[in-house]
Amino acid sequence: MGSRMMHYCIAALLADELSIKNRSEFMLGGIAPDIHGLMGVPKGVTHFKDTYASGTKEGLN
């Protein structure tokens, strides 16, 4: 839950700073990656990172 709120707050600040016209879609895009649990997929699928068979996680370059 904390992560969703953090993503929402950051998206709201960015929407204001960048004068985003379609705020609703932008806000949805800010929190959508955190629904991976409801989708039944690993977090690595909805976030920009890979999880390897060894269990290590690497950010995408």
PDB file of N, CA and C in Angstrom:
ATOM      1  N   MET A   1       0.821  -1.202   0.000  1.00  0.00           N
ATOM      2  CA  MET A   1       0.000   0.000   0.000  1.00  0.00           C
ATOM      3  C   MET A   1       0.863   1.263   0.000  1.00  0.00           C
ATOM      4  N   GLY A   2       1.949   1.248   0.784  1.00  0.00           N
ATOM      5  CA  GLY A   2       2.814   2.427   0.834  1.00  0.00           C
ATOM      6  C   GLY A   2       3.390   2.776  -0.522  1.00  0.00           C
ATOM      7  N   SER A   3       3.748   1.750  -1.279  1.00  0.00           N
ATOM      8  CA  SER A   3       4.314   1.983  -2.602  1.00  0.00           C
ATOM      9  C   SER A   3       3.287   2.631  -3.530  1.00  0.00           C
ATOM     10  N   ARG A   4       2.042   2.170  -3.446  1.00  0.00           N
ATOM     11  CA  ARG A   4       1.000   2.768  -4.300  1.00  0.00           C
ATOM     12  C   ARG A   4       0.799   4.236  -3.972  1.00  0.00           C
ATOM     13  N   MET A   5       0.810   4.561  -2.686  1.00  0.00           N
ATOM     14  CA  MET A   5       0.630   5.955  -2.276  1.00  0.00           C
ATOM     15  C   MET A   5       1.823   6.801  -2.721  1.00  0.00           C
ATOM     16  N   MET A   6       3.024   6.239  -2.615  1.00  0.00           N
ATOM     17  CA  MET A   6       4.220   6.957  -3.053  1.00  0.00           C
ATOM     18  C   MET A   6       4.154   7.229  -4.554  1.00  0.00           C
ATOM     19  N   HIS A   7       3.773   6.199  -5.330  1.00  0.00           N
ATOM     20  CA  HIS A   7       3.649   6.371  -6.781  1.00  0.00           C
ATOM     21  C   HIS A   7       2.590   7.419  -7.112  1.00  0.00           C
ATOM     22  N   TYR A   8       1.469   7.401  -6.397  1.00  0.00           N
ATOM     23  CA  TYR A   8       0.393   8.362  -6.624  1.00  0.00           C
ATOM     24  C   TYR A   8       0.884   9.789  -6.338  1.00  0.00           C
ATOM     25  N   CYS A   9       1.554   9.970  -5.209  1.00  0.00           N
ATOM     26  CA  CYS A   9       2.029  11.309  -4.838  1.00  0.00           C
ATOM     27  C   CYS A   9       3.049  11.841  -5.827  1.00  0.00           C
ATOM     28  N   ILE A  10       3.968  10.983  -6.247  1.00  0.00           N
ATOM     29  CA  ILE A  10       4.978  11.413  -7.221  1.00  0.00           C
ATOM     30  C   ILE A  10       4.324  11.755  -8.556  1.00  0.00           C
ATOM     31  N   ALA A  11       3.371  10.932  -8.989  1.00  0.00           N
ATOM     32  CA  ALA A  11       2.666  11.214 -10.248  1.00  0.00           C
ATOM     33  C   ALA A  11       1.901  12.532 -10.156  1.00  0.00           C
ATOM     34  N   ALA A  12       1.288  12.795  -9.007  1.00  0.00           N
ATOM     35  CA  ALA A  12       0.543  14.049  -8.826  1.00  0.00           C
ATOM     36  C   ALA A  12       1.477  15.250  -8.914  1.00  0.00           C
ATOM     37  N   LEU A  13       2.640  15.159  -8.276  1.00  0.00           N
ATOM     38  CA  LEU A  13       3.610  16.257  -8.342  1.00  0.00           C
ATOM     39  C   LEU A  13       4.107  16.471  -9.769  1.00  0.00           C
ATOM     40  N   LEU A  14       4.389  15.374 -10.466  1.00  0.00           N
ATOM     41  CA  LEU A  14       4.835  15.488 -11.857  1.00  0.00           C
ATOM     42  C   LEU A  14       3.747  16.059 -12.758  1.00  0.00           C
ATOM     43  N   ALA A  15       2.516  15.618 -12.554  1.00  0.00           N
ATOM     44  CA  ALA A  15       1.404  16.119 -13.369  1.00  0.00           C
ATOM     45  C   ALA A  15       1.267  17.630 -13.217  1.00  0.00           C
ATOM     46  N   ASP A  16       1.436  18.119 -11.985  1.00  0.00           N
ATOM     47  CA  ASP A  16       1.360  19.560 -11.746  1.00  0.00           C
ATOM     48  C   ASP A  16       2.537  20.284 -12.391  1.00  0.00           C
ATOM     49  N   GLU A  17       3.730  19.767 -12.154  1.00  0.00           N
ATOM     50  CA  GLU A  17       4.953  20.421 -12.654  1.00  0.00           C
ATOM     51  C   GLU A  17       5.007  20.458 -14.179  1.00  0.00           C
ATOM     52  N   LEU A  18       4.514  19.383 -14.802  1.00  0.00           N
ATOM     53  CA  LEU A  18       4.583  19.280 -16.264  1.00  0.00           C
ATOM     54  C   LEU A  18       3.304  19.742 -16.959  1.00  0.00           C
ATOM     55  N   SER A  19       2.335  20.200 -16.197  1.00  0.00           N
ATOM     56  CA  SER A  19       1.042  20.654 -16.732  1.00  0.00           C
ATOM     57  C   SER A  19       0.418  19.602 -17.644  1.00  0.00           C
ATOM     58  N   ILE A  20       0.344  18.376 -17.146  1.00  0.00           N
ATOM     59  CA  ILE A  20      -0.229  17.258 -17.905  1.00  0.00           C
ATOM     60  C   ILE A  20      -1.703  17.547 -18.177  1.00  0.00           C
ATOM     61  N   LYS A  21      -2.108  17.453 -19.433  1.00  0.00           N
ATOM     62  CA  LYS A  21      -3.498  17.753 -19.798  1.00  0.00           C
ATOM     63  C   LYS A  21      -4.445  16.622 -19.430  1.00  0.00           C
ATOM     64  N   ASN A  22      -4.079  15.388 -19.719  1.00  0.00           N
ATOM     65  CA  ASN A  22      -4.947  14.257 -19.398  1.00  0.00           C
ATOM     66  C   ASN A  22      -4.483  13.643 -18.086  1.00  0.00           C
ATOM     67  N   ARG A  23      -4.770  14.329 -17.007  1.00  0.00           N
ATOM     68  CA  ARG A  23      -4.285  13.963 -15.677  1.00  0.00           C
ATOM     69  C   ARG A  23      -4.761  12.575 -15.246  1.00  0.00           C
ATOM     70  N   SER A  24      -5.999  12.219 -15.550  1.00  0.00           N
ATOM     71  CA  SER A  24      -6.537  10.926 -15.117  1.00  0.00           C
ATOM     72  C   SER A  24      -5.724   9.765 -15.687  1.00  0.00           C
ATOM     73  N   GLU A  25      -5.433   9.801 -16.976  1.00  0.00           N
ATOM     74  CA  GLU A  25      -4.655   8.732 -17.593  1.00  0.00           C
ATOM     75  C   GLU A  25      -3.220   8.721 -17.069  1.00  0.00           C
ATOM     76  N   PHE A  26      -2.655   9.892 -16.855  1.00  0.00           N
ATOM     77  CA  PHE A  26      -1.300   9.970 -16.331  1.00  0.00           C
ATOM     78  C   PHE A  26      -1.238   9.371 -14.926  1.00  0.00           C
ATOM     79  N   MET A  27      -2.213   9.696 -14.092  1.00  0.00           N
ATOM     80  CA  MET A  27      -2.251   9.171 -12.724  1.00  0.00           C
ATOM     81  C   MET A  27      -2.430   7.657 -12.733  1.00  0.00           C
ATOM     82  N   LEU A  28      -3.272   7.158 -13.597  1.00  0.00           N
ATOM     83  CA  LEU A  28      -3.462   5.710 -13.716  1.00  0.00           C
ATOM     84  C   LEU A  28      -2.152   5.034 -14.107  1.00  0.00           C
ATOM     85  N   GLY A  29      -1.444   5.614 -15.048  1.00  0.00           N
ATOM     86  CA  GLY A  29      -0.153   5.063 -15.449  1.00  0.00           C
ATOM     87  C   GLY A  29       0.867   5.085 -14.327  1.00  0.00           C
ATOM     88  N   GLY A  30       0.707   6.021 -13.402  1.00  0.00           N
ATOM     89  CA  GLY A  30       1.627   6.111 -12.268  1.00  0.00           C
ATOM     90  C   GLY A  30       1.443   5.005 -11.255  1.00  0.00           C
ATOM     91  N   ILE A  31       0.221   4.513 -11.117  1.00  0.00           N
ATOM     92  CA  ILE A  31      -0.034   3.479 -10.109  1.00  0.00           C
ATOM     93  C   ILE A  31      -0.276   2.093 -10.702  1.00  0.00           C
ATOM     94  N   ALA A  32      -0.520   1.998 -11.993  1.00  0.00           N
ATOM     95  CA  ALA A  32      -0.845   0.717 -12.627  1.00  0.00           C
ATOM     96  C   ALA A  32       0.199  -0.374 -12.407  1.00  0.00           C
ATOM     97  N   PRO A  33       1.502  -0.070 -12.419  1.00  0.00           N
ATOM     98  CA  PRO A  33       2.473  -1.151 -12.228  1.00  0.00           C
ATOM     99  C   PRO A  33       2.325  -1.880 -10.900  1.00  0.00           C
ATOM    100  N   ASP A  34       1.745  -1.235  -9.900  1.00  0.00           N
ATOM    101  CA  ASP A  34       1.626  -1.858  -8.585  1.00  0.00           C
ATOM    102  C   ASP A  34       0.446  -2.813  -8.446  1.00  0.00           C
ATOM    103  N   ILE A  35      -0.266  -3.081  -9.526  1.00  0.00           N
ATOM    104  CA  ILE A  35      -1.367  -4.054  -9.428  1.00  0.00           C
ATOM    105  C   ILE A  35      -0.927  -5.453  -9.832  1.00  0.00           C
ATOM    106  N   HIS A  36       0.390  -5.642  -9.926  1.00  0.00           N
ATOM    107  CA  HIS A  36       0.909  -6.951 -10.346  1.00  0.00           C
ATOM    108  C   HIS A  36       0.372  -8.080  -9.480  1.00  0.00           C
ATOM    109  N   GLY A  37       0.161  -7.848  -8.194  1.00  0.00           N
ATOM    110  CA  GLY A  37      -0.353  -8.893  -7.307  1.00  0.00           C
ATOM    111  C   GLY A  37      -1.759  -9.324  -7.675  1.00  0.00           C
ATOM    112  N   LEU A  38      -2.586  -8.376  -8.090  1.00  0.00           N
ATOM    113  CA  LEU A  38      -3.956  -8.688  -8.491  1.00  0.00           C
ATOM    114  C   LEU A  38      -3.999  -9.385  -9.844  1.00  0.00           C
ATOM    115  N   MET A  39      -2.959  -9.174 -10.649  1.00  0.00           N
ATOM    116  CA  MET A  39      -2.893  -9.774 -11.974  1.00  0.00           C
ATOM    117  C   MET A  39      -2.291 -11.177 -11.941  1.00  0.00           C
ATOM    118  N   GLY A  40      -1.680 -11.530 -10.804  1.00  0.00           N
ATOM    119  CA  GLY A  40      -1.055 -12.835 -10.700  1.00  0.00           C
ATOM    120  C   GLY A  40       0.239 -12.964 -11.484  1.00  0.00           C
ATOM    121  N   VAL A  41       0.942 -11.851 -11.648  1.00  0.00           N
ATOM    122  CA  VAL A  41       2.230 -11.873 -12.344  1.00  0.00           C
ATOM    123  C   VAL A  41       3.311 -11.337 -11.408  1.00  0.00           C
ATOM    124  N   PRO A  42       4.561 -11.727 -11.614  1.00  0.00           N
ATOM    125  CA  PRO A  42       5.652 -11.214 -10.781  1.00  0.00           C
ATOM    126  C   PRO A  42       5.843  -9.711 -10.976  1.00  0.00           C
ATOM    127  N   LYS A  43       6.351  -9.053  -9.946  1.00  0.00           N
ATOM    128  CA  LYS A  43       6.580  -7.609  -9.994  1.00  0.00           C
ATOM    129  C   LYS A  43       7.487  -7.220 -11.160  1.00  0.00           C
ATOM    130  N   GLY A  44       8.441  -8.085 -11.517  1.00  0.00           N
ATOM    131  CA  GLY A  44       9.360  -7.791 -12.608  1.00  0.00           C
ATOM    132  C   GLY A  44       8.677  -7.614 -13.948  1.00  0.00           C
ATOM    133  N   VAL A  45       7.464  -8.139 -14.095  1.00  0.00           N
ATOM    134  CA  VAL A  45       6.727  -8.004 -15.352  1.00  0.00           C
ATOM    135  C   VAL A  45       6.166  -6.593 -15.504  1.00  0.00           C
ATOM    136  N   THR A  46       5.761  -5.969 -14.396  1.00  0.00           N
ATOM    137  CA  THR A  46       5.130  -4.650 -14.462  1.00  0.00           C
ATOM    138  C   THR A  46       6.085  -3.511 -14.122  1.00  0.00           C
ATOM    139  N   HIS A  47       7.297  -3.837 -13.735  1.00  0.00           N
ATOM    140  CA  HIS A  47       8.295  -2.830 -13.403  1.00  0.00           C
ATOM    141  C   HIS A  47       9.504  -3.012 -14.323  1.00  0.00           C
ATOM    142  N   PHE A  48      10.336  -1.996 -14.418  1.00  0.00           N
ATOM    143  CA  PHE A  48      11.497  -2.046 -15.294  1.00  0.00           C
ATOM    144  C   PHE A  48      12.674  -2.718 -14.603  1.00  0.00           C
ATOM    145  N   LYS A  49      12.545  -4.012 -14.380  1.00  0.00           N
ATOM    146  CA  LYS A  49      13.649  -4.782 -13.829  1.00  0.00           C
ATOM    147  C   LYS A  49      13.479  -6.228 -14.248  1.00  0.00           C
ATOM    148  N   ASP A  50      14.554  -6.946 -14.216  1.00  0.00           N
ATOM    149  CA  ASP A  50      14.539  -8.364 -14.560  1.00  0.00           C
ATOM    150  C   ASP A  50      14.903  -9.171 -13.317  1.00  0.00           C
ATOM    151  N   THR A  51      14.294 -10.323 -13.165  1.00  0.00           N
ATOM    152  CA  THR A  51      14.679 -11.249 -12.114  1.00  0.00           C
ATOM    153  C   THR A  51      15.216 -12.491 -12.804  1.00  0.00           C
ATOM    154  N   TYR A  52      16.414 -12.862 -12.456  1.00  0.00           N
ATOM    155  CA  TYR A  52      17.084 -13.978 -13.099  1.00  0.00           C
ATOM    156  C   TYR A  52      16.844 -15.273 -12.334  1.00  0.00           C
ATOM    157  N   ALA A  53      17.087 -16.388 -12.955  1.00  0.00           N
ATOM    158  CA  ALA A  53      16.869 -17.701 -12.333  1.00  0.00           C
ATOM    159  C   ALA A  53      17.630 -17.816 -11.014  1.00  0.00           C
ATOM    160  N   SER A  54      18.755 -17.139 -10.899  1.00  0.00           N
ATOM    161  CA  SER A  54      19.550 -17.184  -9.666  1.00  0.00           C
ATOM    162  C   SER A  54      18.887 -16.420  -8.532  1.00  0.00           C
ATOM    163  N   GLY A  55      17.832 -15.646  -8.855  1.00  0.00           N
ATOM    164  CA  GLY A  55      17.137 -14.849  -7.843  1.00  0.00           C
ATOM    165  C   GLY A  55      17.651 -13.427  -7.732  1.00  0.00           C
ATOM    166  N   THR A  56      18.706 -13.099  -8.476  1.00  0.00           N
ATOM    167  CA  THR A  56      19.216 -11.741  -8.442  1.00  0.00           C
ATOM    168  C   THR A  56      18.353 -10.829  -9.305  1.00  0.00           C
ATOM    169  N   LYS A  57      18.347  -9.563  -8.953  1.00  0.00           N
ATOM    170  CA  LYS A  57      17.558  -8.586  -9.698  1.00  0.00           C
ATOM    171  C   LYS A  57      18.487  -7.548 -10.275  1.00  0.00           C
ATOM    172  N   GLU A  58      18.268  -7.214 -11.510  1.00  0.00           N
ATOM    173  CA  GLU A  58      19.105  -6.231 -12.198  1.00  0.00           C
ATOM    174  C   GLU A  58      18.211  -5.176 -12.825  1.00  0.00           C
ATOM    175  N   GLY A  59      18.574  -3.893 -12.690  1.00  0.00           N
ATOM    176  CA  GLY A  59      17.847  -2.838 -13.365  1.00  0.00           C
ATOM    177  C   GLY A  59      18.175  -2.841 -14.838  1.00  0.00           C
ATOM    178  N   LEU A  60      17.250  -2.401 -15.636  1.00  0.00           N
ATOM    179  CA  LEU A  60      17.501  -2.324 -17.087  1.00  0.00           C
ATOM    180  C   LEU A  60      18.347  -1.104 -17.381  1.00  0.00           C
ATOM    181  N   ASN A  61      19.293  -1.238 -18.266  1.00  0.00           N
ATOM    182  CA  ASN A  61      20.166  -0.108 -18.628  1.00  0.00           C
ATOM    183  C   ASN A  61      19.652   0.580 -19.854  1.00  0.00           C
TER     184      ASN A  61
END
